Amino acid sequence: MIPRLYRVDGLSGVRNPIGMHALRLDVETLCVTGASSAVQNLVTAVGGARIQVRNLVMGGVAAGASVLSKDEIEMGVILVDIGGGATTVTVFHQGTIWNAAVIPVGGHQFTTDLAVAMNTPYQIAEEVKLQHGQVGLEGVGDGQVEIEAFGDRRTVRVDRREMCRYLNDRTDELFRLIMLKIRGFGFQDMPPAGLVLTGGGANLPGIDKVARRVLATPVRIGVPEGVVNLPEETRDPMFASAIGSLLWRTRPTTTQGSLRGIDRMKGKHNVFHSQPGGPLHWLKDRVKRVAL
């Protein structure tokens, strides 16, 4: 349950009612729900690795903690986290999370499209996507890519432009689904701060251009920020939720129900060298308390 706004004696739009006097206090909240079986399976799997789960946080909220600025959350922004099996769409507005939804389309579907179209194993399609894939068709030449196909393990050559067209069509479909979700939230126009893309899928070249064309809004790629001595390898959109979970857990427990104080949370936390012994010492000491 995440508080959005309060109403004090009929006065609506109150963000923090502490210290105010009233006879009646109403609160408008966002209830984040999920399949209990899926959540329990996740907790059980993590527990099997001898890691104690203390808290759960929605992926979109965690990612927002590491990639969004205070101004974006205040003015209104759409955070799109494109993961392996799903895409999380989270709307932030007036300093807090406003609404969220999950679309069952992610990097897995992008790779499957290539595997089916090119008659190649999934793993080969994944490698081709990462090495030669591009979402926007601008600048894609007429070159060919040699890949391993099904059958007698022969290799075939496919047009790179044709391969990228499959990725472009799937991306176009994804952003149109995102537009429908946003309108379903009650937003007829995109928020002023536009769209922030994160997650592993945000690494596909040209995906921001497709988003800008379909949604007609400012778009940027969000990477984890606000952490001192963050390893360079983790300064990548795919680590947004992981880093955000660490930042979320470092916040005071009194604010974990909402995004209040996110400016303090983004105040350059030295989570990787805050304890003697360096990153491994810190990780071993803190991993059991990470909000997954």
Protein backbone atom coordinates (compact mmCIF):
# COMPACT_ATOMS: atom_id res chain seq x y z
CA MET A 1 0.00 0.00 0.00
CA ILE A 2 1.69 3.21 -1.20
CA PRO A 3 0.10 6.53 -0.14
CA ARG A 4 -0.42 8.95 -3.03
CA LEU A 5 -2.37 11.89 -1.60
CA TYR A 6 -4.26 12.78 1.58
CA ARG A 7 -7.49 14.71 2.17
CA VAL A 8 -7.77 16.63 5.41
CA ASP A 9 -11.32 17.74 6.33
CA GLY A 10 -12.21 17.80 2.65
CA LEU A 11 -9.02 19.62 1.61
CA SER A 12 -7.59 17.44 -1.14
CA GLY A 13 -4.11 17.26 -2.59
CA VAL A 14 -2.28 17.16 0.77
CA ARG A 15 1.00 15.27 0.46
CA ASN A 16 2.05 15.16 4.10
CA PRO A 17 -0.63 15.64 6.77
CA ILE A 18 1.73 15.33 9.74
CA GLY A 19 1.28 18.32 12.05
CA MET A 20 -2.12 19.33 10.63
CA HIS A 21 -5.28 19.37 12.76
CA ALA A 22 -8.44 17.76 11.43
CA LEU A 23 -11.57 15.82 12.31
CA ARG A 24 -11.37 13.56 9.27
CA LEU A 25 -8.38 12.22 7.39
CA ASP A 26 -8.70 10.30 4.11
CA VAL A 27 -5.85 8.75 2.17
CA GLU A 28 -5.63 7.79 -1.48
CA THR A 29 -3.33 4.80 -1.90
CA LEU A 30 -1.95 2.62 -4.66
CA CYS A 31 -2.26 -1.08 -3.88
CA VAL A 32 0.45 -3.13 -5.58
CA THR A 33 -0.73 -6.71 -6.02
CA GLY A 34 0.78 -9.85 -7.48
CA ALA A 35 0.18 -13.57 -7.68
CA SER A 36 0.93 -14.96 -4.21
CA SER A 37 2.24 -18.23 -5.63
CA ALA A 38 4.77 -16.44 -7.85
CA VAL A 39 5.91 -14.24 -4.98
CA GLN A 40 6.25 -17.20 -2.64
CA ASN A 41 8.21 -19.18 -5.22
CA LEU A 42 10.61 -16.25 -5.57
CA VAL A 43 11.07 -15.96 -1.81
CA THR A 44 11.60 -19.73 -1.55
CA ALA A 45 14.20 -19.69 -4.33
CA VAL A 46 16.13 -16.87 -2.68
CA GLY A 47 15.87 -18.61 0.68
CA GLY A 48 17.35 -21.72 -0.91
CA ALA A 49 20.51 -19.69 -1.53
CA ARG A 50 20.68 -19.03 2.23
CA ILE A 51 19.63 -15.41 1.84
CA GLN A 52 17.00 -14.11 4.19
CA VAL A 53 14.24 -12.02 2.61
CA ARG A 54 13.27 -9.10 4.83
CA ASN A 55 11.14 -7.12 2.40
CA LEU A 56 9.71 -7.06 -1.10
CA VAL A 57 9.64 -4.10 -3.45
CA MET A 58 8.07 -3.81 -6.88
CA GLY A 59 10.64 -3.81 -9.69
CA GLY A 60 9.37 -0.55 -11.17
CA VAL A 61 9.67 1.23 -7.84
CA ALA A 62 13.17 -0.14 -7.28
CA ALA A 63 14.32 0.89 -10.75
CA GLY A 64 12.88 4.36 -10.24
CA ALA A 65 14.96 4.76 -7.09
CA SER A 66 18.18 4.44 -9.08
CA VAL A 67 17.46 6.10 -12.43
CA LEU A 68 14.91 8.87 -11.85
CA SER A 69 15.61 12.39 -10.65
CA LYS A 70 13.57 14.27 -8.07
CA ASP A 71 12.33 16.71 -10.73
CA GLU A 72 11.15 13.91 -13.00
CA ILE A 73 9.16 12.28 -10.21
CA GLU A 74 7.68 15.64 -9.25
CA MET A 75 6.71 16.77 -12.76
CA GLY A 76 5.53 13.36 -13.92
CA VAL A 77 7.40 10.65 -15.81
CA ILE A 78 6.83 7.19 -17.28
CA LEU A 79 9.45 4.59 -16.33
CA VAL A 80 9.58 1.61 -18.68
CA ASP A 81 11.70 -1.30 -17.44
CA ILE A 82 12.17 -3.80 -20.28
CA GLY A 83 13.25 -7.05 -18.72
CA GLY A 84 13.77 -10.53 -20.07
CA GLY A 85 10.21 -11.82 -19.84
CA ALA A 86 8.10 -8.73 -19.19
CA THR A 87 8.02 -4.95 -19.34
CA THR A 88 7.03 -2.93 -16.28
CA VAL A 89 5.35 0.43 -16.87
CA THR A 90 5.40 2.71 -13.83
CA VAL A 91 3.96 6.22 -13.68
CA PHE A 92 5.44 8.71 -11.19
CA HIS A 93 3.56 11.95 -10.52
CA GLN A 94 3.53 14.63 -7.82
CA GLY A 95 6.47 13.11 -6.01
CA THR A 96 5.23 9.54 -5.72
CA ILE A 97 4.32 6.46 -7.70
CA TRP A 98 0.94 6.97 -9.35
CA ASN A 99 0.18 3.71 -11.11
CA ALA A 100 1.88 0.66 -12.58
CA ALA A 101 1.29 -2.35 -14.80
CA VAL A 102 3.18 -5.26 -16.31
CA ILE A 103 3.12 -6.14 -20.02
CA PRO A 104 4.11 -9.76 -20.82
CA VAL A 105 6.51 -8.71 -23.58
CA GLY A 106 10.27 -8.46 -23.04
CA GLY A 107 13.66 -9.39 -24.40
CA HIS A 108 12.64 -13.05 -24.60
CA GLN A 109 9.99 -12.24 -27.20
CA PHE A 110 12.49 -10.20 -29.23
CA THR A 111 14.86 -13.17 -29.35
CA THR A 112 12.09 -15.66 -30.11
CA ASP A 113 11.01 -13.57 -33.10
CA LEU A 114 14.51 -13.82 -34.54
CA ALA A 115 14.83 -17.53 -33.77
CA VAL A 116 11.57 -18.34 -35.56
CA ALA A 117 12.18 -16.03 -38.52
CA MET A 118 15.74 -17.21 -39.14
CA ASN A 119 15.24 -20.90 -38.22
CA THR A 120 18.04 -20.76 -35.70
CA PRO A 121 18.44 -21.96 -32.08
CA TYR A 122 17.37 -19.54 -29.38
CA GLN A 123 20.89 -19.06 -28.02
CA ILE A 124 22.22 -18.22 -31.48
CA ALA A 125 19.38 -15.75 -31.99
CA GLU A 126 20.23 -14.12 -28.64
CA GLU A 127 23.87 -13.71 -29.64
CA VAL A 128 22.91 -12.27 -33.03
CA LYS A 129 20.51 -9.83 -31.35
CA LEU A 130 23.19 -8.57 -28.97
CA GLN A 131 25.97 -8.34 -31.55
CA HIS A 132 24.15 -7.17 -34.67
CA GLY A 133 20.66 -6.16 -33.56
CA GLN A 134 19.33 -2.64 -34.01
CA VAL A 135 15.79 -1.48 -33.41
CA GLY A 136 15.68 1.66 -35.56
CA LEU A 137 16.21 1.00 -39.25
CA GLU A 138 18.00 4.30 -39.84
CA GLY A 139 21.61 3.70 -40.74
CA VAL A 140 21.26 -0.08 -41.13
CA GLY A 141 23.20 -1.09 -44.21
CA ASP A 142 22.60 -3.89 -46.68
CA GLY A 143 25.20 -6.18 -45.18
CA GLN A 144 24.65 -9.81 -44.23
CA VAL A 145 25.17 -11.79 -41.04
CA GLU A 146 26.30 -15.41 -40.99
CA ILE A 147 24.44 -17.51 -38.43
CA GLU A 148 24.10 -21.15 -37.47
CA ALA A 149 20.77 -22.63 -38.50
CA PHE A 150 18.75 -25.73 -37.64
CA GLY A 151 19.09 -28.96 -39.59
CA ASP A 152 22.56 -30.23 -40.39
CA ARG A 153 24.14 -27.45 -38.29
CA ARG A 154 24.90 -25.52 -41.45
CA THR A 155 25.44 -21.78 -41.55
CA VAL A 156 23.32 -19.37 -43.54
CA ARG A 157 23.60 -15.70 -44.38
CA VAL A 158 20.72 -13.36 -43.60
CA ASP A 159 20.23 -9.71 -44.44
CA ARG A 160 20.98 -7.56 -41.39
CA ARG A 161 18.32 -5.05 -42.40
CA GLU A 162 15.69 -7.78 -42.57
CA MET A 163 16.78 -9.07 -39.17
CA CYS A 164 16.52 -5.58 -37.67
CA ARG A 165 13.06 -5.18 -39.17
CA TYR A 166 11.76 -7.98 -36.93
CA LEU A 167 13.15 -6.19 -33.89
CA ASN A 168 11.72 -2.88 -35.07
CA ASP A 169 8.22 -4.34 -35.54
CA ARG A 170 8.22 -5.96 -32.08
CA THR A 171 9.46 -2.72 -30.50
CA ASP A 172 6.78 -0.70 -32.28
CA GLU A 173 4.13 -3.09 -30.96
CA LEU A 174 5.52 -2.87 -27.42
CA PHE A 175 5.39 0.91 -27.29
CA ARG A 176 1.85 0.95 -28.65
CA LEU A 177 0.87 -1.40 -25.83
CA ILE A 178 2.59 0.96 -23.41
CA MET A 179 0.57 3.86 -24.83
CA LEU A 180 -2.65 1.93 -24.20
CA LYS A 181 -1.59 1.28 -20.59
CA ILE A 182 -0.80 4.94 -20.01
CA ARG A 183 -4.18 5.99 -21.34
CA GLY A 184 -5.78 3.33 -19.17
CA PHE A 185 -4.17 5.05 -16.18
CA GLY A 186 -6.17 8.18 -17.07
CA PHE A 187 -3.39 10.13 -18.81
CA GLN A 188 -4.51 11.34 -22.23
CA ASP A 189 -1.21 13.14 -22.72
CA MET A 190 2.29 12.05 -21.80
CA PRO A 191 3.69 13.54 -18.56
CA PRO A 192 6.02 16.58 -18.93
CA ALA A 193 9.19 14.62 -18.13
CA GLY A 194 8.40 12.08 -20.84
CA LEU A 195 9.70 8.53 -20.84
CA VAL A 196 12.72 6.89 -19.21
CA LEU A 197 13.80 3.51 -20.59
CA THR A 198 15.74 1.08 -18.44
CA GLY A 199 16.29 -2.65 -18.06
CA GLY A 200 18.32 -4.90 -20.33
CA GLY A 201 16.05 -4.20 -23.30
CA ALA A 202 16.99 -0.52 -23.18
CA ASN A 203 20.44 -1.47 -24.50
CA LEU A 204 19.08 -2.25 -27.96
CA PRO A 205 20.45 0.46 -30.28
CA GLY A 206 17.78 2.82 -31.56
CA ILE A 207 15.07 1.82 -29.10
CA ASP A 208 14.84 5.37 -27.76
CA LYS A 209 14.19 6.70 -31.28
CA VAL A 210 11.33 4.28 -31.81
CA ALA A 211 9.83 5.27 -28.44
CA ARG A 212 10.12 8.95 -29.35
CA ARG A 213 8.40 8.35 -32.70
CA VAL A 214 5.52 6.24 -31.33
CA LEU A 215 4.82 8.19 -28.14
CA ALA A 216 5.82 11.69 -29.31
CA THR A 217 7.52 12.55 -26.01
CA PRO A 218 11.03 13.18 -24.64
CA VAL A 219 12.90 9.90 -24.11
CA ARG A 220 16.15 9.03 -22.39
CA ILE A 221 17.95 5.85 -21.33
CA GLY A 222 18.14 5.52 -17.55
CA VAL A 223 21.24 4.10 -15.86
CA PRO A 224 21.85 3.68 -12.10
CA GLU A 225 23.07 6.87 -10.45
CA GLY A 226 23.60 8.30 -6.99
CA VAL A 227 26.07 5.69 -5.73
CA VAL A 228 29.72 6.48 -5.06
CA ASN A 229 32.29 3.90 -6.25
CA LEU A 230 29.71 1.99 -8.22
CA PRO A 231 31.61 -0.58 -10.36
CA GLU A 232 31.70 0.50 -13.99
CA GLU A 233 30.26 -2.85 -15.06
CA THR A 234 27.02 -2.09 -13.20
CA ARG A 235 26.49 1.33 -14.79
CA ASP A 236 24.09 -0.29 -17.18
CA PRO A 237 20.28 -0.14 -17.53
CA MET A 238 20.03 -3.87 -16.81
CA PHE A 239 21.17 -3.26 -13.21
CA ALA A 240 18.64 -0.50 -12.49
CA SER A 241 16.34 -2.67 -10.36
CA ALA A 242 19.20 -4.36 -8.49
CA ILE A 243 20.89 -1.06 -7.56
CA GLY A 244 17.50 0.49 -6.82
CA SER A 245 16.71 -2.33 -4.38
CA LEU A 246 19.90 -1.55 -2.46
CA LEU A 247 19.04 2.15 -2.35
CA TRP A 248 15.46 1.39 -1.31
CA ARG A 249 16.66 -0.72 1.62
CA THR A 250 19.00 2.02 2.87
CA ARG A 251 16.11 4.44 3.32
CA PRO A 252 14.51 5.04 6.73
CA THR A 253 11.74 2.52 7.42
CA THR A 254 9.27 5.34 8.01
CA THR A 255 9.42 6.29 4.33
CA GLN A 256 9.47 2.84 2.76
CA GLY A 257 5.75 2.98 2.06
CA SER A 258 6.14 5.80 -0.45
CA LEU A 259 8.71 7.74 -2.42
CA ARG A 260 8.98 10.60 0.05
CA GLY A 261 12.57 11.54 0.61
CA ILE A 262 13.82 10.16 -2.67
CA ASP A 263 16.09 13.20 -2.93
CA ARG A 264 17.86 12.00 0.22
CA MET A 265 18.04 8.50 -1.18
CA LYS A 266 19.80 9.76 -4.32
CA GLY A 267 22.33 11.72 -2.29
CA LYS A 268 25.45 9.80 -3.33
CA HIS A 269 25.39 6.71 -1.13
CA ASN A 270 28.76 5.00 -0.75
CA VAL A 271 27.26 1.52 -0.51
CA PHE A 272 30.26 -0.29 -2.00
CA HIS A 273 32.90 1.06 0.37
CA SER A 274 30.90 1.96 3.45
CA GLN A 275 32.41 -0.89 5.46
CA PRO A 276 36.03 -2.00 6.03
CA GLY A 277 37.23 -4.61 3.60
CA GLY A 278 35.70 -3.25 0.43
CA PRO A 279 32.79 -4.45 -1.70
CA LEU A 280 32.85 -8.15 -0.81
CA HIS A 281 32.82 -7.46 2.91
CA TRP A 282 29.93 -5.08 2.49
CA LEU A 283 28.02 -7.49 0.27
CA LYS A 284 28.37 -10.44 2.65
CA ASP A 285 27.25 -8.24 5.53
CA ARG A 286 24.27 -6.68 3.76
CA VAL A 287 22.96 -9.22 1.25
CA LYS A 288 20.57 -10.80 3.72
CA ARG A 289 18.82 -7.47 4.19
CA VAL A 290 18.40 -6.50 0.55
CA ALA A 291 14.80 -5.90 -0.46
CA LEU A 292 14.24 -8.23 -3.37
